[in-house]
mmCIF file of all heavy atoms, coordinates in Angstrom:
data_MODEL
# 
_entry.id   MODEL 
# 
loop_
_atom_site.group_PDB 
_atom_site.id 
_atom_site.type_symbol 
_atom_site.label_atom_id 
_atom_site.label_alt_id 
_atom_site.label_comp_id 
_atom_site.label_asym_id 
_atom_site.label_entity_id 
_atom_site.label_seq_id 
_atom_site.pdbx_PDB_ins_code 
_atom_site.Cartn_x 
_atom_site.Cartn_y 
_atom_site.Cartn_z 
_atom_site.occupancy 
_atom_site.B_iso_or_equiv 
_atom_site.pdbx_formal_charge 
_atom_site.auth_seq_id 
_atom_site.auth_comp_id 
_atom_site.auth_asym_id 
_atom_site.auth_atom_id 
_atom_site.pdbx_PDB_model_num 
ATOM 1   N N   . SER A 1 1  ? -35.205 -8.453 -1.250 1.00 0.00 ? 1  SER A N   1 
ATOM 2   C CA  . SER A 1 1  ? -34.165 -7.807 -1.925 1.00 0.00 ? 1  SER A CA  1 
ATOM 3   C C   . SER A 1 1  ? -34.590 -6.413 -2.341 1.00 0.00 ? 1  SER A C   1 
ATOM 4   O O   . SER A 1 1  ? -35.741 -6.260 -2.657 1.00 0.00 ? 1  SER A O   1 
ATOM 5   C CB  . SER A 1 1  ? -33.810 -8.532 -3.176 1.00 0.00 ? 1  SER A CB  1 
ATOM 6   O OG  . SER A 1 1  ? -33.366 -9.909 -2.903 1.00 0.00 ? 1  SER A OG  1 
ATOM 7   N N   . ALA A 1 2  ? -33.669 -5.492 -2.274 1.00 0.00 ? 2  ALA A N   1 
ATOM 8   C CA  . ALA A 1 2  ? -33.937 -4.100 -2.671 1.00 0.00 ? 2  ALA A CA  1 
ATOM 9   C C   . ALA A 1 2  ? -32.824 -3.595 -3.531 1.00 0.00 ? 2  ALA A C   1 
ATOM 10  O O   . ALA A 1 2  ? -31.642 -3.819 -3.216 1.00 0.00 ? 2  ALA A O   1 
ATOM 11  C CB  . ALA A 1 2  ? -34.233 -3.230 -1.485 1.00 0.00 ? 2  ALA A CB  1 
ATOM 12  N N   . PHE A 1 3  ? -33.137 -2.811 -4.513 1.00 0.00 ? 3  PHE A N   1 
ATOM 13  C CA  . PHE A 1 3  ? -32.179 -2.142 -5.356 1.00 0.00 ? 3  PHE A CA  1 
ATOM 14  C C   . PHE A 1 3  ? -31.836 -0.815 -4.776 1.00 0.00 ? 3  PHE A C   1 
ATOM 15  O O   . PHE A 1 3  ? -32.719 -0.014 -4.510 1.00 0.00 ? 3  PHE A O   1 
ATOM 16  C CB  . PHE A 1 3  ? -32.703 -1.978 -6.789 1.00 0.00 ? 3  PHE A CB  1 
ATOM 17  C CG  . PHE A 1 3  ? -31.794 -1.096 -7.685 1.00 0.00 ? 3  PHE A CG  1 
ATOM 18  C CD1 . PHE A 1 3  ? -30.529 -1.567 -8.067 1.00 0.00 ? 3  PHE A CD1 1 
ATOM 19  C CD2 . PHE A 1 3  ? -32.242 0.100  -8.142 1.00 0.00 ? 3  PHE A CD2 1 
ATOM 20  C CE1 . PHE A 1 3  ? -29.710 -0.813 -8.845 1.00 0.00 ? 3  PHE A CE1 1 
ATOM 21  C CE2 . PHE A 1 3  ? -31.360 0.939  -9.014 1.00 0.00 ? 3  PHE A CE2 1 
ATOM 22  C CZ  . PHE A 1 3  ? -30.197 0.436  -9.368 1.00 0.00 ? 3  PHE A CZ  1 
ATOM 23  N N   . VAL A 1 4  ? -30.568 -0.524 -4.584 1.00 0.00 ? 4  VAL A N   1 
ATOM 24  C CA  . VAL A 1 4  ? -30.107 0.711  -3.944 1.00 0.00 ? 4  VAL A CA  1 
ATOM 25  C C   . VAL A 1 4  ? -29.229 1.437  -5.068 1.00 0.00 ? 4  VAL A C   1 
ATOM 26  O O   . VAL A 1 4  ? -28.053 1.073  -5.204 1.00 0.00 ? 4  VAL A O   1 
ATOM 27  C CB  . VAL A 1 4  ? -29.317 0.489  -2.712 1.00 0.00 ? 4  VAL A CB  1 
ATOM 28  C CG1 . VAL A 1 4  ? -28.905 1.788  -2.056 1.00 0.00 ? 4  VAL A CG1 1 
ATOM 29  C CG2 . VAL A 1 4  ? -30.141 -0.306 -1.665 1.00 0.00 ? 4  VAL A CG2 1 
ATOM 30  N N   . PRO A 1 5  ? -29.769 2.447  -5.708 1.00 0.00 ? 5  PRO A N   1 
ATOM 31  C CA  . PRO A 1 5  ? -28.937 3.143  -6.714 1.00 0.00 ? 5  PRO A CA  1 
ATOM 32  C C   . PRO A 1 5  ? -27.811 3.893  -6.019 1.00 0.00 ? 5  PRO A C   1 
ATOM 33  O O   . PRO A 1 5  ? -27.935 4.337  -4.822 1.00 0.00 ? 5  PRO A O   1 
ATOM 34  C CB  . PRO A 1 5  ? -29.983 4.076  -7.361 1.00 0.00 ? 5  PRO A CB  1 
ATOM 35  C CG  . PRO A 1 5  ? -31.030 4.215  -6.482 1.00 0.00 ? 5  PRO A CG  1 
ATOM 36  C CD  . PRO A 1 5  ? -31.114 2.911  -5.676 1.00 0.00 ? 5  PRO A CD  1 
ATOM 37  N N   . ALA A 1 6  ? -26.771 4.196  -6.703 1.00 0.00 ? 6  ALA A N   1 
ATOM 38  C CA  . ALA A 1 6  ? -25.610 4.890  -6.120 1.00 0.00 ? 6  ALA A CA  1 
ATOM 39  C C   . ALA A 1 6  ? -25.941 6.272  -5.629 1.00 0.00 ? 6  ALA A C   1 
ATOM 40  O O   . ALA A 1 6  ? -25.379 6.821  -4.728 1.00 0.00 ? 6  ALA A O   1 
ATOM 41  C CB  . ALA A 1 6  ? -24.524 4.960  -7.142 1.00 0.00 ? 6  ALA A CB  1 
ATOM 42  N N   . LYS A 1 7  ? -26.951 6.934  -6.206 1.00 0.00 ? 7  LYS A N   1 
ATOM 43  C CA  . LYS A 1 7  ? -27.422 8.233  -5.794 1.00 0.00 ? 7  LYS A CA  1 
ATOM 44  C C   . LYS A 1 7  ? -27.998 8.252  -4.395 1.00 0.00 ? 7  LYS A C   1 
ATOM 45  O O   . LYS A 1 7  ? -28.084 9.321  -3.797 1.00 0.00 ? 7  LYS A O   1 
ATOM 46  C CB  . LYS A 1 7  ? -28.379 8.841  -6.817 1.00 0.00 ? 7  LYS A CB  1 
ATOM 47  C CG  . LYS A 1 7  ? -29.771 8.184  -6.801 1.00 0.00 ? 7  LYS A CG  1 
ATOM 48  C CD  . LYS A 1 7  ? -30.710 8.746  -7.803 1.00 0.00 ? 7  LYS A CD  1 
ATOM 49  C CE  . LYS A 1 7  ? -32.054 8.159  -7.761 1.00 0.00 ? 7  LYS A CE  1 
ATOM 50  N NZ  . LYS A 1 7  ? -32.749 8.341  -6.486 1.00 0.00 ? 7  LYS A NZ  1 
ATOM 51  N N   . ASP A 1 8  ? -28.380 7.126  -3.862 1.00 0.00 ? 8  ASP A N   1 
ATOM 52  C CA  . ASP A 1 8  ? -29.034 6.976  -2.575 1.00 0.00 ? 8  ASP A CA  1 
ATOM 53  C C   . ASP A 1 8  ? -28.144 6.466  -1.516 1.00 0.00 ? 8  ASP A C   1 
ATOM 54  O O   . ASP A 1 8  ? -28.586 6.353  -0.352 1.00 0.00 ? 8  ASP A O   1 
ATOM 55  C CB  . ASP A 1 8  ? -30.298 6.231  -2.601 1.00 0.00 ? 8  ASP A CB  1 
ATOM 56  C CG  . ASP A 1 8  ? -31.412 6.896  -3.474 1.00 0.00 ? 8  ASP A CG  1 
ATOM 57  O OD1 . ASP A 1 8  ? -31.394 8.099  -3.545 1.00 0.00 ? 8  ASP A OD1 1 
ATOM 58  O OD2 . ASP A 1 8  ? -32.251 6.142  -3.998 1.00 0.00 ? 8  ASP A OD2 1 
ATOM 59  N N   . LEU A 1 9  ? -26.893 6.142  -1.819 1.00 0.00 ? 9  LEU A N   1 
ATOM 60  C CA  . LEU A 1 9  ? -25.955 5.569  -0.897 1.00 0.00 ? 9  LEU A CA  1 
ATOM 61  C C   . LEU A 1 9  ? -24.753 6.361  -0.769 1.00 0.00 ? 9  LEU A C   1 
ATOM 62  O O   . LEU A 1 9  ? -24.124 6.800  -1.761 1.00 0.00 ? 9  LEU A O   1 
ATOM 63  C CB  . LEU A 1 9  ? -25.591 4.157  -1.356 1.00 0.00 ? 9  LEU A CB  1 
ATOM 64  C CG  . LEU A 1 9  ? -24.893 3.257  -0.310 1.00 0.00 ? 9  LEU A CG  1 
ATOM 65  C CD1 . LEU A 1 9  ? -26.029 2.816  0.723  1.00 0.00 ? 9  LEU A CD1 1 
ATOM 66  C CD2 . LEU A 1 9  ? -24.150 2.111  -0.940 1.00 0.00 ? 9  LEU A CD2 1 
ATOM 67  N N   . TYR A 1 10 ? -24.390 6.796  0.422  1.00 0.00 ? 10 TYR A N   1 
ATOM 68  C CA  . TYR A 1 10 ? -23.271 7.674  0.724  1.00 0.00 ? 10 TYR A CA  1 
ATOM 69  C C   . TYR A 1 10 ? -22.271 6.959  1.649  1.00 0.00 ? 10 TYR A C   1 
ATOM 70  O O   . TYR A 1 10 ? -22.640 6.396  2.635  1.00 0.00 ? 10 TYR A O   1 
ATOM 71  C CB  . TYR A 1 10 ? -23.768 8.937  1.357  1.00 0.00 ? 10 TYR A CB  1 
ATOM 72  C CG  . TYR A 1 10 ? -24.655 9.798  0.449  1.00 0.00 ? 10 TYR A CG  1 
ATOM 73  C CD1 . TYR A 1 10 ? -26.044 9.556  0.363  1.00 0.00 ? 10 TYR A CD1 1 
ATOM 74  C CD2 . TYR A 1 10 ? -24.143 10.818 -0.283 1.00 0.00 ? 10 TYR A CD2 1 
ATOM 75  C CE1 . TYR A 1 10 ? -26.782 10.324 -0.469 1.00 0.00 ? 10 TYR A CE1 1 
ATOM 76  C CE2 . TYR A 1 10 ? -24.900 11.598 -1.128 1.00 0.00 ? 10 TYR A CE2 1 
ATOM 77  C CZ  . TYR A 1 10 ? -26.305 11.345 -1.251 1.00 0.00 ? 10 TYR A CZ  1 
ATOM 78  O OH  . TYR A 1 10 ? -27.095 12.063 -2.001 1.00 0.00 ? 10 TYR A OH  1 
ATOM 79  N N   . ILE A 1 11 ? -20.994 7.101  1.294  1.00 0.00 ? 11 ILE A N   1 
ATOM 80  C CA  . ILE A 1 11 ? -19.944 6.571  2.171  1.00 0.00 ? 11 ILE A CA  1 
ATOM 81  C C   . ILE A 1 11 ? -18.891 7.730  2.266  1.00 0.00 ? 11 ILE A C   1 
ATOM 82  O O   . ILE A 1 11 ? -18.780 8.623  1.442  1.00 0.00 ? 11 ILE A O   1 
ATOM 83  C CB  . ILE A 1 11 ? -19.229 5.277  1.613  1.00 0.00 ? 11 ILE A CB  1 
ATOM 84  C CG1 . ILE A 1 11 ? -18.662 5.546  0.220  1.00 0.00 ? 11 ILE A CG1 1 
ATOM 85  C CG2 . ILE A 1 11 ? -20.276 4.218  1.524  1.00 0.00 ? 11 ILE A CG2 1 
ATOM 86  C CD1 . ILE A 1 11 ? -17.928 4.410  -0.300 1.00 0.00 ? 11 ILE A CD1 1 
ATOM 87  N N   . PRO A 1 12 ? -18.067 7.707  3.356  1.00 0.00 ? 12 PRO A N   1 
ATOM 88  C CA  . PRO A 1 12 ? -17.064 8.742  3.486  1.00 0.00 ? 12 PRO A CA  1 
ATOM 89  C C   . PRO A 1 12 ? -16.032 8.785  2.431  1.00 0.00 ? 12 PRO A C   1 
ATOM 90  O O   . PRO A 1 12 ? -15.702 7.699  1.757  1.00 0.00 ? 12 PRO A O   1 
ATOM 91  C CB  . PRO A 1 12 ? -16.408 8.389  4.849  1.00 0.00 ? 12 PRO A CB  1 
ATOM 92  C CG  . PRO A 1 12 ? -17.324 7.487  5.531  1.00 0.00 ? 12 PRO A CG  1 
ATOM 93  C CD  . PRO A 1 12 ? -18.063 6.747  4.470  1.00 0.00 ? 12 PRO A CD  1 
ATOM 94  N N   . TYR A 1 13 ? -15.425 9.842  2.219  1.00 0.00 ? 13 TYR A N   1 
ATOM 95  C CA  . TYR A 1 13 ? -14.324 10.058 1.194  1.00 0.00 ? 13 TYR A CA  1 
ATOM 96  C C   . TYR A 1 13 ? -13.210 9.151  1.500  1.00 0.00 ? 13 TYR A C   1 
ATOM 97  O O   . TYR A 1 13 ? -12.557 8.619  0.565  1.00 0.00 ? 13 TYR A O   1 
ATOM 98  C CB  . TYR A 1 13 ? -13.860 11.501 1.197  1.00 0.00 ? 13 TYR A CB  1 
ATOM 99  C CG  . TYR A 1 13 ? -12.599 11.805 0.450  1.00 0.00 ? 13 TYR A CG  1 
ATOM 100 C CD1 . TYR A 1 13 ? -12.638 12.007 -0.885 1.00 0.00 ? 13 TYR A CD1 1 
ATOM 101 C CD2 . TYR A 1 13 ? -11.339 11.783 1.037  1.00 0.00 ? 13 TYR A CD2 1 
ATOM 102 C CE1 . TYR A 1 13 ? -11.479 12.178 -1.663 1.00 0.00 ? 13 TYR A CE1 1 
ATOM 103 C CE2 . TYR A 1 13 ? -10.248 12.043 0.325  1.00 0.00 ? 13 TYR A CE2 1 
ATOM 104 C CZ  . TYR A 1 13 ? -10.269 12.144 -1.012 1.00 0.00 ? 13 TYR A CZ  1 
ATOM 105 O OH  . TYR A 1 13 ? -9.203  12.403 -1.744 1.00 0.00 ? 13 TYR A OH  1 
ATOM 106 N N   . PHE A 1 14 ? -12.838 8.954  2.783  1.00 0.00 ? 14 PHE A N   1 
ATOM 107 C CA  . PHE A 1 14 ? -11.687 8.111  3.151  1.00 0.00 ? 14 PHE A CA  1 
ATOM 108 C C   . PHE A 1 14 ? -11.874 6.629  3.125  1.00 0.00 ? 14 PHE A C   1 
ATOM 109 O O   . PHE A 1 14 ? -10.993 5.806  3.540  1.00 0.00 ? 14 PHE A O   1 
ATOM 110 C CB  . PHE A 1 14 ? -11.125 8.602  4.510  1.00 0.00 ? 14 PHE A CB  1 
ATOM 111 C CG  . PHE A 1 14 ? -10.654 10.023 4.464  1.00 0.00 ? 14 PHE A CG  1 
ATOM 112 C CD1 . PHE A 1 14 ? -11.520 10.986 4.978  1.00 0.00 ? 14 PHE A CD1 1 
ATOM 113 C CD2 . PHE A 1 14 ? -9.459  10.346 4.057  1.00 0.00 ? 14 PHE A CD2 1 
ATOM 114 C CE1 . PHE A 1 14 ? -11.083 12.279 5.055  1.00 0.00 ? 14 PHE A CE1 1 
ATOM 115 C CE2 . PHE A 1 14 ? -9.018  11.695 4.012  1.00 0.00 ? 14 PHE A CE2 1 
ATOM 116 C CZ  . PHE A 1 14 ? -9.843  12.721 4.501  1.00 0.00 ? 14 PHE A CZ  1 
ATOM 117 N N   . ALA A 1 15 ? -13.121 6.188  2.830  1.00 0.00 ? 15 ALA A N   1 
ATOM 118 C CA  . ALA A 1 15 ? -13.390 4.690  2.972  1.00 0.00 ? 15 ALA A CA  1 
ATOM 119 C C   . ALA A 1 15 ? -12.782 3.961  1.841  1.00 0.00 ? 15 ALA A C   1 
ATOM 120 O O   . ALA A 1 15 ? -12.864 4.410  0.617  1.00 0.00 ? 15 ALA A O   1 
ATOM 121 C CB  . ALA A 1 15 ? -14.892 4.474  2.946  1.00 0.00 ? 15 ALA A CB  1 
ATOM 122 N N   . ALA A 1 16 ? -12.104 2.935  2.106  1.00 0.00 ? 16 ALA A N   1 
ATOM 123 C CA  . ALA A 1 16 ? -11.432 2.134  1.070  1.00 0.00 ? 16 ALA A CA  1 
ATOM 124 C C   . ALA A 1 16 ? -12.403 1.136  0.459  1.00 0.00 ? 16 ALA A C   1 
ATOM 125 O O   . ALA A 1 16 ? -12.237 0.675  -0.630 1.00 0.00 ? 16 ALA A O   1 
ATOM 126 C CB  . ALA A 1 16 ? -10.191 1.358  1.621  1.00 0.00 ? 16 ALA A CB  1 
ATOM 127 N N   . SER A 1 17 ? -13.460 0.690  1.221  1.00 0.00 ? 17 SER A N   1 
ATOM 128 C CA  . SER A 1 17 ? -14.439 -0.308 0.812  1.00 0.00 ? 17 SER A CA  1 
ATOM 129 C C   . SER A 1 17 ? -15.633 -0.238 1.715  1.00 0.00 ? 17 SER A C   1 
ATOM 130 O O   . SER A 1 17 ? -15.556 0.459  2.760  1.00 0.00 ? 17 SER A O   1 
ATOM 131 C CB  . SER A 1 17 ? -13.855 -1.701 0.868  1.00 0.00 ? 17 SER A CB  1 
ATOM 132 O OG  . SER A 1 17 ? -13.593 -2.149 2.205  1.00 0.00 ? 17 SER A OG  1 
ATOM 133 N N   . LEU A 1 18 ? -16.731 -0.802 1.256  1.00 0.00 ? 18 LEU A N   1 
ATOM 134 C CA  . LEU A 1 18 ? -17.953 -0.762 2.151  1.00 0.00 ? 18 LEU A CA  1 
ATOM 135 C C   . LEU A 1 18 ? -17.666 -1.482 3.416  1.00 0.00 ? 18 LEU A C   1 
ATOM 136 O O   . LEU A 1 18 ? -18.282 -1.165 4.533  1.00 0.00 ? 18 LEU A O   1 
ATOM 137 C CB  . LEU A 1 18 ? -19.132 -1.455 1.368  1.00 0.00 ? 18 LEU A CB  1 
ATOM 138 C CG  . LEU A 1 18 ? -19.689 -0.688 0.248  1.00 0.00 ? 18 LEU A CG  1 
ATOM 139 C CD1 . LEU A 1 18 ? -20.750 -1.498 -0.452 1.00 0.00 ? 18 LEU A CD1 1 
ATOM 140 C CD2 . LEU A 1 18 ? -20.205 0.678  0.676  1.00 0.00 ? 18 LEU A CD2 1 
ATOM 141 N N   . GLU A 1 19 ? -16.913 -2.576 3.421  1.00 0.00 ? 19 GLU A N   1 
ATOM 142 C CA  . GLU A 1 19 ? -16.666 -3.413 4.570  1.00 0.00 ? 19 GLU A CA  1 
ATOM 143 C C   . GLU A 1 19 ? -15.890 -2.618 5.676  1.00 0.00 ? 19 GLU A C   1 
ATOM 144 O O   . GLU A 1 19 ? -16.027 -2.791 6.846  1.00 0.00 ? 19 GLU A O   1 
ATOM 145 C CB  . GLU A 1 19 ? -15.851 -4.649 4.236  1.00 0.00 ? 19 GLU A CB  1 
ATOM 146 C CG  . GLU A 1 19 ? -16.620 -5.734 3.450  1.00 0.00 ? 19 GLU A CG  1 
ATOM 147 C CD  . GLU A 1 19 ? -16.753 -5.362 2.006  1.00 0.00 ? 19 GLU A CD  1 
ATOM 148 O OE1 . GLU A 1 19 ? -16.116 -4.427 1.556  1.00 0.00 ? 19 GLU A OE1 1 
ATOM 149 O OE2 . GLU A 1 19 ? -17.697 -5.934 1.279  1.00 0.00 ? 19 GLU A OE2 1 
ATOM 150 N N   . THR A 1 20 ? -14.995 -1.693 5.260  1.00 0.00 ? 20 THR A N   1 
ATOM 151 C CA  . THR A 1 20 ? -14.178 -0.936 6.246  1.00 0.00 ? 20 THR A CA  1 
ATOM 152 C C   . THR A 1 20 ? -14.650 0.468  6.450  1.00 0.00 ? 20 THR A C   1 
ATOM 153 O O   . THR A 1 20 ? -14.002 1.244  7.159  1.00 0.00 ? 20 THR A O   1 
ATOM 154 C CB  . THR A 1 20 ? -12.719 -0.963 5.728  1.00 0.00 ? 20 THR A CB  1 
ATOM 155 O OG1 . THR A 1 20 ? -12.601 -0.321 4.451  1.00 0.00 ? 20 THR A OG1 1 
ATOM 156 C CG2 . THR A 1 20 ? -12.189 -2.320 5.645  1.00 0.00 ? 20 THR A CG2 1 
ATOM 157 N N   . ALA A 1 21 ? -15.761 0.863  5.787  1.00 0.00 ? 21 ALA A N   1 
ATOM 158 C CA  . ALA A 1 21 ? -16.233 2.249  5.931  1.00 0.00 ? 21 ALA A CA  1 
ATOM 159 C C   . ALA A 1 21 ? -16.719 2.504  7.315  1.00 0.00 ? 21 ALA A C   1 
ATOM 160 O O   . ALA A 1 21 ? -17.343 1.674  7.957  1.00 0.00 ? 21 ALA A O   1 
ATOM 161 C CB  . ALA A 1 21 ? -17.366 2.499  4.912  1.00 0.00 ? 21 ALA A CB  1 
ATOM 162 N N   . SER A 1 22 ? -16.362 3.660  7.803  1.00 0.00 ? 22 SER A N   1 
ATOM 163 C CA  . SER A 1 22 ? -16.792 4.063  9.176  1.00 0.00 ? 22 SER A CA  1 
ATOM 164 C C   . SER A 1 22 ? -18.314 4.345  9.309  1.00 0.00 ? 22 SER A C   1 
ATOM 165 O O   . SER A 1 22 ? -18.861 4.186  10.368 1.00 0.00 ? 22 SER A O   1 
ATOM 166 C CB  . SER A 1 22 ? -16.009 5.322  9.653  1.00 0.00 ? 22 SER A CB  1 
ATOM 167 O OG  . SER A 1 22 ? -16.264 6.436  8.814  1.00 0.00 ? 22 SER A OG  1 
ATOM 168 N N   . ARG A 1 23 ? -18.894 4.623  8.203  1.00 0.00 ? 23 ARG A N   1 
ATOM 169 C CA  . ARG A 1 23 ? -20.408 4.789  8.130  1.00 0.00 ? 23 ARG A CA  1 
ATOM 170 C C   . ARG A 1 23 ? -20.834 4.592  6.685  1.00 0.00 ? 23 ARG A C   1 
ATOM 171 O O   . ARG A 1 23 ? -20.157 4.847  5.749  1.00 0.00 ? 23 ARG A O   1 
ATOM 172 C CB  . ARG A 1 23 ? -20.774 6.238  8.667  1.00 0.00 ? 23 ARG A CB  1 
ATOM 173 C CG  . ARG A 1 23 ? -20.149 7.385  7.731  1.00 0.00 ? 23 ARG A CG  1 
ATOM 174 C CD  . ARG A 1 23 ? -20.625 8.696  8.278  1.00 0.00 ? 23 ARG A CD  1 
ATOM 175 N NE  . ARG A 1 23 ? -20.023 9.786  7.415  1.00 0.00 ? 23 ARG A NE  1 
ATOM 176 C CZ  . ARG A 1 23 ? -18.901 10.423 7.753  1.00 0.00 ? 23 ARG A CZ  1 
ATOM 177 N NH1 . ARG A 1 23 ? -18.202 10.026 8.805  1.00 0.00 ? 23 ARG A NH1 1 
ATOM 178 N NH2 . ARG A 1 23 ? -18.368 11.352 6.934  1.00 0.00 ? 23 ARG A NH2 1 
ATOM 179 N N   . ILE A 1 24 ? -22.094 4.115  6.673  1.00 0.00 ? 24 ILE A N   1 
ATOM 180 C CA  . ILE A 1 24 ? -22.765 3.983  5.374  1.00 0.00 ? 24 ILE A CA  1 
ATOM 181 C C   . ILE A 1 24 ? -24.157 4.557  5.504  1.00 0.00 ? 24 ILE A C   1 
ATOM 182 O O   . ILE A 1 24 ? -24.949 4.113  6.391  1.00 0.00 ? 24 ILE A O   1 
ATOM 183 C CB  . ILE A 1 24 ? -22.859 2.496  4.841  1.00 0.00 ? 24 ILE A CB  1 
ATOM 184 C CG1 . ILE A 1 24 ? -21.417 1.880  4.772  1.00 0.00 ? 24 ILE A CG1 1 
ATOM 185 C CG2 . ILE A 1 24 ? -23.585 2.353  3.534  1.00 0.00 ? 24 ILE A CG2 1 
ATOM 186 C CD1 . ILE A 1 24 ? -21.461 0.420  4.465  1.00 0.00 ? 24 ILE A CD1 1 
ATOM 187 N N   . THR A 1 25 ? -24.555 5.504  4.717  1.00 0.00 ? 25 THR A N   1 
ATOM 188 C CA  . THR A 1 25 ? -25.889 6.139  4.832  1.00 0.00 ? 25 THR A CA  1 
ATOM 189 C C   . THR A 1 25 ? -26.656 5.955  3.610  1.00 0.00 ? 25 THR A C   1 
ATOM 190 O O   . THR A 1 25 ? -26.206 6.168  2.462  1.00 0.00 ? 25 THR A O   1 
ATOM 191 C CB  . THR A 1 25 ? -25.719 7.690  5.079  1.00 0.00 ? 25 THR A CB  1 
ATOM 192 O OG1 . THR A 1 25 ? -24.709 7.867  6.139  1.00 0.00 ? 25 THR A OG1 1 
ATOM 193 C CG2 . THR A 1 25 ? -26.996 8.271  5.394  1.00 0.00 ? 25 THR A CG2 1 
ATOM 194 N N   . GLU A 1 26 ? -27.859 5.399  3.814  1.00 0.00 ? 26 GLU A N   1 
ATOM 195 C CA  . GLU A 1 26 ? -28.803 5.236  2.697  1.00 0.00 ? 26 GLU A CA  1 
ATOM 196 C C   . GLU A 1 26 ? -30.042 6.158  2.931  1.00 0.00 ? 26 GLU A C   1 
ATOM 197 O O   . GLU A 1 26 ? -30.525 6.248  3.938  1.00 0.00 ? 26 GLU A O   1 
ATOM 198 C CB  . GLU A 1 26 ? -29.275 3.749  2.592  1.00 0.00 ? 26 GLU A CB  1 
ATOM 199 C CG  . GLU A 1 26 ? -30.274 3.498  1.491  1.00 0.00 ? 26 GLU A CG  1 
ATOM 200 C CD  . GLU A 1 26 ? -30.917 2.143  1.529  1.00 0.00 ? 26 GLU A CD  1 
ATOM 201 O OE1 . GLU A 1 26 ? -30.666 1.398  2.541  1.00 0.00 ? 26 GLU A OE1 1 
ATOM 202 O OE2 . GLU A 1 26 ? -31.763 1.859  0.676  1.00 0.00 ? 26 GLU A OE2 1 
ATOM 203 N N   . CYS A 1 27 ? -30.361 6.788  1.788  1.00 0.00 ? 27 CYS A N   1 
ATOM 204 C CA  . CYS A 1 27 ? -31.579 7.674  1.791  1.00 0.00 ? 27 CYS A CA  1 
ATOM 205 C C   . CYS A 1 27 ? -32.757 6.823  1.434  1.00 0.00 ? 27 CYS A C   1 
ATOM 206 O O   . CYS A 1 27 ? -32.799 6.299  0.293  1.00 0.00 ? 27 CYS A O   1 
ATOM 207 C CB  . CYS A 1 27 ? -31.373 8.870  0.909  1.00 0.00 ? 27 CYS A CB  1 
ATOM 208 S SG  . CYS A 1 27 ? -30.049 9.964  1.424  1.00 0.00 ? 27 CYS A SG  1 
# 
């Protein structure tokens, strides 16, 4: 398990949810 703070996770502006996001980027 890993904790991913919101500052390190990026999703597109138009994404309605993580499940339907066209991309999810983690730093």
